[in-house]
Amino acid sequence: MHHESESVRKQALREFCKLPIAVDIVQASIESSTLDARARALRSLGDEIAVEKCSLIVLENISSDLIDKRILRDLGKNSHHSFPEYRHMTPSQEPLLQLSDIAAWSFGRGGQWRQHLAPQVRKVLNA
């Protein structure tokens, strides 16, 4: 969404909000780096009951793949339930990643974007 025009962003959010889905937002402030914030967000999944009902976690392929794998492997070992499988993919490999991008961008942008997204947001977790 970062590189899209304003009209494309508005249309994407409008279409997103028509879908029968709910979104959980994991919010992590950038203290030292975006990779650190991502790691804290991933670690917070270990505390989340909703992960029990997941069969697959798909993460966007970025430069932190090895860190992500280590965190998720550790979460799986320490989990009291069956931890889901996880994969790193690009949006072209998994188009549903575009939905998470729309939700994350709109929530992070705030203002009217966040207000428009609000009916789809089930909960906001702080990592």
N, C-alpha and C. Protein backbone atom coordinates (compact mmCIF):
# COMPACT_ATOMS: atom_id res chain seq x y z
N MET A 1 0.82 -1.19 0.00
CA MET A 1 0.00 0.00 0.00
C MET A 1 0.86 1.26 0.00
N HIS A 2 2.06 1.12 0.52
CA HIS A 2 2.94 2.28 0.65
C HIS A 2 3.18 2.96 -0.70
N HIS A 3 3.30 2.19 -1.76
CA HIS A 3 3.64 2.74 -3.07
C HIS A 3 2.42 2.98 -3.97
N GLU A 4 1.24 2.72 -3.45
CA GLU A 4 0.02 2.87 -4.25
C GLU A 4 -0.47 4.31 -4.24
N SER A 5 -1.24 4.66 -5.26
CA SER A 5 -1.84 6.00 -5.31
C SER A 5 -2.97 6.09 -4.29
N GLU A 6 -3.36 7.29 -3.96
CA GLU A 6 -4.44 7.51 -3.00
C GLU A 6 -5.73 6.82 -3.45
N SER A 7 -6.05 6.92 -4.74
CA SER A 7 -7.29 6.31 -5.23
C SER A 7 -7.24 4.79 -5.13
N VAL A 8 -6.10 4.19 -5.39
CA VAL A 8 -5.95 2.73 -5.27
C VAL A 8 -6.07 2.32 -3.80
N ARG A 9 -5.48 3.09 -2.91
CA ARG A 9 -5.57 2.80 -1.48
C ARG A 9 -7.03 2.83 -1.02
N LYS A 10 -7.74 3.86 -1.41
CA LYS A 10 -9.15 3.99 -1.01
C LYS A 10 -9.97 2.81 -1.53
N GLN A 11 -9.76 2.47 -2.77
CA GLN A 11 -10.50 1.35 -3.38
C GLN A 11 -10.14 0.03 -2.69
N ALA A 12 -8.87 -0.16 -2.41
CA ALA A 12 -8.44 -1.40 -1.75
C ALA A 12 -9.09 -1.53 -0.37
N LEU A 13 -9.10 -0.46 0.40
CA LEU A 13 -9.70 -0.51 1.73
C LEU A 13 -11.22 -0.69 1.64
N ARG A 14 -11.82 -0.03 0.69
CA ARG A 14 -13.27 -0.17 0.49
C ARG A 14 -13.62 -1.64 0.19
N GLU A 15 -12.88 -2.26 -0.72
CA GLU A 15 -13.13 -3.66 -1.07
C GLU A 15 -12.80 -4.60 0.11
N PHE A 16 -11.73 -4.30 0.82
CA PHE A 16 -11.35 -5.09 1.99
C PHE A 16 -12.49 -5.12 3.00
N CYS A 17 -13.09 -3.96 3.24
CA CYS A 17 -14.14 -3.85 4.25
C CYS A 17 -15.44 -4.54 3.85
N LYS A 18 -15.56 -4.93 2.61
CA LYS A 18 -16.73 -5.69 2.16
C LYS A 18 -16.59 -7.19 2.47
N LEU A 19 -15.39 -7.61 2.75
CA LEU A 19 -15.13 -9.03 2.99
C LEU A 19 -15.59 -9.45 4.39
N PRO A 20 -16.06 -10.68 4.53
CA PRO A 20 -16.51 -11.16 5.84
C PRO A 20 -15.34 -11.69 6.68
N ILE A 21 -14.41 -10.81 7.01
CA ILE A 21 -13.24 -11.21 7.78
C ILE A 21 -13.04 -10.28 8.97
N ALA A 22 -12.38 -10.81 9.98
CA ALA A 22 -11.98 -10.02 11.14
C ALA A 22 -10.46 -10.03 11.21
N VAL A 23 -9.91 -8.95 11.74
CA VAL A 23 -8.47 -8.78 11.77
C VAL A 23 -8.00 -8.59 13.21
N ASP A 24 -6.93 -9.28 13.56
CA ASP A 24 -6.24 -9.02 14.82
C ASP A 24 -4.97 -8.27 14.48
N ILE A 25 -4.78 -7.13 15.09
CA ILE A 25 -3.60 -6.30 14.85
C ILE A 25 -2.61 -6.52 15.97
N VAL A 26 -1.36 -6.81 15.63
CA VAL A 26 -0.28 -6.87 16.61
C VAL A 26 0.56 -5.62 16.38
N GLN A 27 0.57 -4.77 17.38
CA GLN A 27 1.23 -3.46 17.29
C GLN A 27 2.54 -3.50 18.08
N ALA A 28 3.62 -3.18 17.44
CA ALA A 28 4.93 -3.16 18.11
C ALA A 28 5.63 -1.87 17.73
N SER A 29 5.94 -1.06 18.71
CA SER A 29 6.63 0.20 18.42
C SER A 29 8.07 -0.09 17.97
N ILE A 30 8.57 0.75 17.10
CA ILE A 30 9.94 0.60 16.61
C ILE A 30 10.85 1.33 17.58
N GLU A 31 11.51 0.55 18.41
CA GLU A 31 12.41 1.13 19.42
C GLU A 31 13.85 1.19 18.91
N SER A 32 14.34 0.04 18.42
CA SER A 32 15.71 0.04 17.89
C SER A 32 15.73 -0.19 16.39
N SER A 33 14.81 -1.05 15.91
CA SER A 33 14.75 -1.32 14.47
C SER A 33 13.41 -1.96 14.12
N THR A 34 13.09 -1.96 12.85
CA THR A 34 11.86 -2.63 12.42
C THR A 34 11.96 -4.14 12.61
N LEU A 35 13.16 -4.69 12.47
CA LEU A 35 13.35 -6.13 12.69
C LEU A 35 13.08 -6.49 14.14
N ASP A 36 13.51 -5.62 15.07
CA ASP A 36 13.25 -5.85 16.49
C ASP A 36 11.75 -5.81 16.76
N ALA A 37 11.06 -4.84 16.17
CA ALA A 37 9.61 -4.74 16.36
C ALA A 37 8.91 -5.98 15.79
N ARG A 38 9.34 -6.43 14.64
CA ARG A 38 8.76 -7.64 14.03
C ARG A 38 8.98 -8.84 14.94
N ALA A 39 10.18 -8.96 15.50
CA ALA A 39 10.49 -10.09 16.39
C ALA A 39 9.59 -10.05 17.63
N ARG A 40 9.39 -8.89 18.22
CA ARG A 40 8.50 -8.78 19.38
C ARG A 40 7.06 -9.13 19.01
N ALA A 41 6.63 -8.72 17.83
CA ALA A 41 5.28 -9.05 17.37
C ALA A 41 5.12 -10.56 17.20
N LEU A 42 6.11 -11.20 16.61
CA LEU A 42 6.05 -12.66 16.43
C LEU A 42 6.05 -13.38 17.77
N ARG A 43 6.90 -12.93 18.70
CA ARG A 43 6.95 -13.58 20.01
C ARG A 43 5.60 -13.49 20.72
N SER A 44 4.87 -12.41 20.49
CA SER A 44 3.57 -12.26 21.14
C SER A 44 2.56 -13.30 20.67
N LEU A 45 2.79 -13.92 19.53
CA LEU A 45 1.89 -14.97 19.04
C LEU A 45 1.85 -16.17 19.98
N GLY A 46 2.92 -16.39 20.69
CA GLY A 46 2.97 -17.52 21.62
C GLY A 46 1.96 -17.39 22.74
N ASP A 47 1.54 -16.17 23.05
CA ASP A 47 0.56 -15.93 24.11
C ASP A 47 -0.86 -15.91 23.58
N GLU A 48 -1.02 -16.01 22.31
CA GLU A 48 -2.32 -15.81 21.68
C GLU A 48 -3.07 -17.13 21.54
N ILE A 49 -4.24 -17.20 22.13
CA ILE A 49 -5.08 -18.39 22.06
C ILE A 49 -5.51 -18.68 20.62
N ALA A 50 -5.70 -17.65 19.81
CA ALA A 50 -6.17 -17.82 18.43
C ALA A 50 -5.22 -18.68 17.60
N VAL A 51 -3.96 -18.72 17.97
CA VAL A 51 -2.99 -19.52 17.23
C VAL A 51 -3.35 -21.00 17.30
N GLU A 52 -4.02 -21.41 18.38
CA GLU A 52 -4.43 -22.81 18.52
C GLU A 52 -5.33 -23.23 17.37
N LYS A 53 -6.13 -22.30 16.86
CA LYS A 53 -7.08 -22.61 15.80
C LYS A 53 -6.49 -22.46 14.41
N CYS A 54 -5.25 -22.00 14.33
CA CYS A 54 -4.57 -21.80 13.04
C CYS A 54 -3.98 -23.11 12.55
N SER A 55 -3.96 -23.26 11.24
CA SER A 55 -3.25 -24.41 10.69
C SER A 55 -1.99 -23.95 9.95
N LEU A 56 -1.95 -22.66 9.58
CA LEU A 56 -0.81 -22.14 8.83
C LEU A 56 -0.63 -20.65 9.11
N ILE A 57 0.59 -20.24 9.36
CA ILE A 57 0.96 -18.83 9.49
C ILE A 57 1.81 -18.51 8.27
N VAL A 58 1.41 -17.49 7.52
CA VAL A 58 2.19 -17.07 6.35
C VAL A 58 2.76 -15.69 6.64
N LEU A 59 4.06 -15.58 6.51
CA LEU A 59 4.77 -14.32 6.73
C LEU A 59 5.34 -13.85 5.41
N GLU A 60 5.34 -12.53 5.24
CA GLU A 60 5.93 -12.00 4.02
C GLU A 60 7.43 -12.19 4.05
N ASN A 61 7.96 -12.63 2.94
CA ASN A 61 9.38 -12.87 2.76
C ASN A 61 10.14 -11.55 2.80
N ILE A 62 10.89 -11.33 3.87
CA ILE A 62 11.76 -10.15 3.96
C ILE A 62 13.10 -10.60 4.51
N SER A 63 13.95 -9.66 4.83
CA SER A 63 15.31 -10.01 5.23
C SER A 63 15.41 -10.68 6.60
N SER A 64 14.31 -10.83 7.32
CA SER A 64 14.37 -11.42 8.66
C SER A 64 13.94 -12.88 8.71
N ASP A 65 13.93 -13.55 7.58
CA ASP A 65 13.42 -14.92 7.53
C ASP A 65 14.08 -15.85 8.55
N LEU A 66 15.39 -15.79 8.68
CA LEU A 66 16.08 -16.67 9.62
C LEU A 66 15.71 -16.35 11.06
N ILE A 67 15.59 -15.07 11.39
CA ILE A 67 15.18 -14.66 12.73
C ILE A 67 13.76 -15.14 12.99
N ASP A 68 12.87 -14.93 12.02
CA ASP A 68 11.48 -15.38 12.14
C ASP A 68 11.42 -16.88 12.41
N LYS A 69 12.16 -17.66 11.64
CA LYS A 69 12.14 -19.11 11.80
C LYS A 69 12.58 -19.53 13.19
N ARG A 70 13.62 -18.88 13.70
CA ARG A 70 14.12 -19.21 15.04
C ARG A 70 13.06 -18.89 16.10
N ILE A 71 12.43 -17.73 15.98
CA ILE A 71 11.40 -17.34 16.95
C ILE A 71 10.22 -18.31 16.89
N LEU A 72 9.74 -18.60 15.70
CA LEU A 72 8.58 -19.48 15.57
C LEU A 72 8.90 -20.91 15.99
N ARG A 73 10.12 -21.37 15.71
CA ARG A 73 10.54 -22.71 16.16
C ARG A 73 10.53 -22.77 17.69
N ASP A 74 11.06 -21.72 18.33
CA ASP A 74 11.07 -21.67 19.80
C ASP A 74 9.66 -21.60 20.37
N LEU A 75 8.79 -20.83 19.72
CA LEU A 75 7.40 -20.75 20.17
C LEU A 75 6.73 -22.12 20.07
N GLY A 76 7.01 -22.82 18.99
CA GLY A 76 6.43 -24.16 18.81
C GLY A 76 6.90 -25.12 19.88
N LYS A 77 8.18 -25.06 20.25
CA LYS A 77 8.72 -25.95 21.29
C LYS A 77 8.09 -25.66 22.64
N ASN A 78 7.83 -24.38 22.92
CA ASN A 78 7.32 -23.98 24.23
C ASN A 78 5.80 -23.91 24.30
N SER A 79 5.15 -24.26 23.23
CA SER A 79 3.70 -24.15 23.16
C SER A 79 3.01 -25.28 23.92
N HIS A 80 1.89 -24.94 24.56
CA HIS A 80 1.10 -25.94 25.27
C HIS A 80 0.10 -26.61 24.34
N HIS A 81 0.07 -26.18 23.10
CA HIS A 81 -0.85 -26.74 22.12
C HIS A 81 -0.08 -26.98 20.83
N SER A 82 -0.75 -27.53 19.87
CA SER A 82 -0.12 -27.79 18.59
C SER A 82 0.11 -26.47 17.85
N PHE A 83 1.35 -26.10 17.68
CA PHE A 83 1.68 -24.84 17.03
C PHE A 83 1.58 -25.02 15.52
N PRO A 84 1.00 -24.04 14.82
CA PRO A 84 0.78 -24.21 13.38
C PRO A 84 2.07 -24.21 12.55
N GLU A 85 1.94 -24.74 11.37
CA GLU A 85 3.02 -24.68 10.39
C GLU A 85 3.19 -23.21 9.97
N TYR A 86 4.37 -22.84 9.53
CA TYR A 86 4.59 -21.47 9.06
C TYR A 86 5.42 -21.49 7.79
N ARG A 87 5.18 -20.47 6.96
CA ARG A 87 5.91 -20.34 5.70
C ARG A 87 6.20 -18.87 5.44
N HIS A 88 7.29 -18.64 4.74
CA HIS A 88 7.60 -17.31 4.22
C HIS A 88 7.26 -17.32 2.73
N MET A 89 6.49 -16.32 2.32
CA MET A 89 6.07 -16.25 0.92
C MET A 89 6.04 -14.78 0.48
N THR A 90 6.02 -14.61 -0.81
CA THR A 90 5.86 -13.26 -1.38
C THR A 90 4.38 -13.06 -1.70
N PRO A 91 3.93 -11.81 -1.86
CA PRO A 91 2.54 -11.58 -2.24
C PRO A 91 2.16 -12.23 -3.57
N SER A 92 3.11 -12.42 -4.46
CA SER A 92 2.77 -13.11 -5.71
C SER A 92 2.56 -14.61 -5.47
N GLN A 93 3.22 -15.16 -4.47
CA GLN A 93 3.02 -16.57 -4.12
C GLN A 93 1.75 -16.77 -3.30
N GLU A 94 1.44 -15.79 -2.45
CA GLU A 94 0.26 -15.86 -1.59
C GLU A 94 -0.45 -14.52 -1.64
N PRO A 95 -1.39 -14.37 -2.56
CA PRO A 95 -2.09 -13.08 -2.73
C PRO A 95 -2.83 -12.59 -1.49
N LEU A 96 -3.17 -13.50 -0.57
CA LEU A 96 -3.86 -13.05 0.65
C LEU A 96 -2.97 -12.18 1.53
N LEU A 97 -1.65 -12.18 1.30
CA LEU A 97 -0.77 -11.27 2.03
C LEU A 97 -1.14 -9.81 1.74
N GLN A 98 -1.74 -9.58 0.59
CA GLN A 98 -2.17 -8.21 0.26
C GLN A 98 -3.25 -7.73 1.22
N LEU A 99 -4.07 -8.64 1.71
CA LEU A 99 -5.10 -8.26 2.68
C LEU A 99 -4.48 -7.78 3.98
N SER A 100 -3.46 -8.49 4.45
CA SER A 100 -2.81 -8.05 5.68
C SER A 100 -2.10 -6.72 5.47
N ASP A 101 -1.58 -6.50 4.27
CA ASP A 101 -0.93 -5.23 3.96
C ASP A 101 -1.94 -4.09 4.02
N ILE A 102 -3.12 -4.30 3.46
CA ILE A 102 -4.16 -3.28 3.48
C ILE A 102 -4.55 -2.96 4.92
N ALA A 103 -4.76 -4.00 5.72
CA ALA A 103 -5.16 -3.79 7.11
C ALA A 103 -4.06 -3.10 7.91
N ALA A 104 -2.83 -3.58 7.78
CA ALA A 104 -1.73 -3.00 8.56
C ALA A 104 -1.46 -1.56 8.16
N TRP A 105 -1.47 -1.29 6.87
CA TRP A 105 -1.20 0.07 6.40
C TRP A 105 -2.30 1.01 6.88
N SER A 106 -3.54 0.61 6.73
CA SER A 106 -4.67 1.47 7.12
C SER A 106 -4.68 1.72 8.62
N PHE A 107 -4.41 0.69 9.41
CA PHE A 107 -4.36 0.85 10.85
C PHE A 107 -3.22 1.78 11.24
N GLY A 108 -2.06 1.54 10.66
CA GLY A 108 -0.88 2.36 10.98
C GLY A 108 -1.02 3.80 10.53
N ARG A 109 -1.71 4.03 9.45
CA ARG A 109 -1.91 5.39 8.93
C ARG A 109 -2.77 6.21 9.88
N GLY A 110 -3.70 5.56 10.55
CA GLY A 110 -4.54 6.24 11.53
C GLY A 110 -5.64 7.07 10.88
N GLY A 111 -6.23 7.97 11.66
CA GLY A 111 -7.25 8.88 11.18
C GLY A 111 -8.43 8.17 10.54
N GLN A 112 -8.88 8.69 9.40
CA GLN A 112 -10.03 8.12 8.70
C GLN A 112 -9.75 6.71 8.19
N TRP A 113 -8.49 6.43 7.86
CA TRP A 113 -8.13 5.08 7.40
C TRP A 113 -8.44 4.07 8.49
N ARG A 114 -7.98 4.36 9.70
CA ARG A 114 -8.21 3.44 10.83
C ARG A 114 -9.70 3.36 11.16
N GLN A 115 -10.38 4.48 11.11
CA GLN A 115 -11.82 4.48 11.40
C GLN A 115 -12.58 3.61 10.40
N HIS A 116 -12.21 3.70 9.14
CA HIS A 116 -12.89 2.90 8.12
C HIS A 116 -12.62 1.40 8.32
N LEU A 117 -11.43 1.08 8.78
CA LEU A 117 -11.04 -0.31 9.03
C LEU A 117 -11.65 -0.85 10.32
N ALA A 118 -11.98 0.01 11.26
CA ALA A 118 -12.38 -0.38 12.62
C ALA A 118 -13.41 -1.51 12.70
N PRO A 119 -14.44 -1.55 11.86
CA PRO A 119 -15.40 -2.65 11.98
C PRO A 119 -14.79 -4.04 11.72
N GLN A 120 -13.68 -4.10 11.00
CA GLN A 120 -13.04 -5.38 10.70
C GLN A 120 -12.06 -5.79 11.81
N VAL A 121 -11.68 -4.85 12.68
CA VAL A 121 -10.66 -5.13 13.70
C VAL A 121 -11.31 -5.80 14.91
N ARG A 122 -10.90 -7.03 15.15
CA ARG A 122 -11.43 -7.79 16.29
C ARG A 122 -10.72 -7.39 17.58
N LYS A 123 -9.38 -7.28 17.50
CA LYS A 123 -8.63 -6.84 18.68
C LYS A 123 -7.27 -6.30 18.27
N VAL A 124 -6.71 -5.51 19.18
CA VAL A 124 -5.38 -4.92 18.98
C VAL A 124 -4.51 -5.38 20.15
N LEU A 125 -3.41 -6.02 19.81
CA LEU A 125 -2.46 -6.50 20.83
C LEU A 125 -1.21 -5.64 20.76
N ASN A 126 -0.64 -5.35 21.90
CA ASN A 126 0.61 -4.61 21.95
C ASN A 126 1.76 -5.55 22.28
N ALA A 127 2.78 -5.51 21.46
CA ALA A 127 3.93 -6.39 21.65
C ALA A 127 5.10 -5.63 22.25
